[in-house]
Amino acid sequence: MSLILDNIDLVVGGATHIEGVNLELKPGSFNVLLGRTLAGKTTLMRLMAGLDTPTRGRVLMEGRDVTGVSVRHRNVSMVYQQFINYPGLSVYDNIASPLRLAKVERAEIDRRVRETAELLHIEHLLERSPLELSGGQQQRTAMGRALVKDADVILFDEPLVNLDYKLREELREELRTLFDERRCIAVYATTEPAEALALGGNTAVLHEGRLLQYGRTEDVYHRPVSRSSAEMFSEPPINMIRGLISGDEISFDRRAAFPLSDDLRSLPPGEYHFGVRPSHISLQPRADDDLAVEVSVELAEISGSETFLHVANDLFAMVVHLSGVHEFDVDQRITIHFPIHKVYAFDRHGDVVHVPSHLGGL
C-alpha cells in the first residue's frame, strides 16, 4: 500500500503550516521526518492519518483519494511522545483494545497480542498495569497497541524522546528489526540528525512546513541539494564559510588566500558558501589537502564522551566536533585542520554546486 501526498498545503487562521509538499511513501518503507521544532513533522503526520484535512492538495492511499476520509476509516496507527496507555487496563488489554474494537475473534486476539508482546519483549508483563511499568515498558506497550492491528501506516511522533539514552538506543534498534519484514509504511518523526542516521531507511528533511529533500537517508545526508538541507541534517549544524574563487586561489573575506585544491577546480570563479561538517574538522592533519587554520577557543562544551569546541578568528566562527573529552581554556590559541576534499560548495541561491569526492563517515 503506497501513500502519496500530492501538492499538500495547510493554512490555519491565515498562517501557512504546510506548503507544497509532494511525497510518495512506498509499501514496506521506513521513513524518517527530520526537522527542528515547528518544522511541520506532527502536522504532516496528522494529515497522513486523517486527523486534519489539507487546505489544498490530495492524500492518496493505494491510488485512492482519501483526502476527506476520517482517521476512523483509515487503517493507521500512531505512537506519541507521551506514554499513552489506559491505566485501568492490563498490558494485555491495552494491546488487545484495537482488535476488540474491530470485533476480531477472541482466539485471534490472543494469538496476536502474545505474538506482539514477544516481539517487544514484554510478554512477562501482560498481566500488569501500565502504572507498574518503567517508562520504556510503557512505551513498548503503546507501540504494541499500534503494531497489533496490522495497520497500513504506522506513525511514530518522536516516540523515544522521553526515554534515557540506553533505552532509546535499544528501542531504536528493535524498531528497525520489527519493520524489516513488514509491508506497512512506517513514518518516524525526529529532531535529531543522529537518530535519522541510526534508523536508516529514507529521510524527508522538513523546514518551516516545506519539504527540502527526500531520499535514502545516506544519500540525503551525504548529498544535500541545498544549504538549508545540509544545515538541517547536521548536528551541530554544518559550518558555513563565505569564500571567493579566483584564478588558482580560494580566499575568505578577500584576505586570507589559499591554493585551490584539485577537488574544487571544477568550480567557475565567483562567490560561494563553503560547508564543512563539525565532525570532519580535527586538531591534527589527516590528509595532504588539510587546511591548517589558527583560531581561538570561545567555548569547550562537553556532552557525554564528546566535545563540541566553539572556535573563531577574524574570518569566521566554527564548531568542531571531537570524540572524547578535551579540556581547553577560553581564548586559548590552537590550530584546526579541515579537509578540502570534504568541503561542500553552495551558490548565492543556496543550491549545492559541489559535493565532496570523499563521502565516507559522518
Foldseek 3Di string as FASTA:
>chain_A
DKKWWFQFWAADPNRTQAGGDTDIFAWLFEEEEAEAPSLNQVVVVCQQQQVDATPDTFIDDPNHTCRNPHNVPAQEAEAEQQLDFDQVAFLLCRLLVVVVVVVHDPVLSVVLSCVLCVLLVNNVRRGPGLVPDDRLVSSSSSVSNRPSSLGQEYEYENHCPPDDDVSVLVVLVSVLVVSNPGRHYYYYYDHDLVSCVSNWGKYFYTGSNYTQDIDTSLCCQQPPFFQVSQQSNAVPGWFKFKWWDDDQWIDFPVPDIDGHDPQCPVDDTDIKIKTDGQAQKAQDDDDPQWDKDKWFWADWDDDPQWTWTWTDDPGGIDIHIGGGDDDDDGRDIGIMIGHPLQMWIADPVGGTDHGHPDRDDD
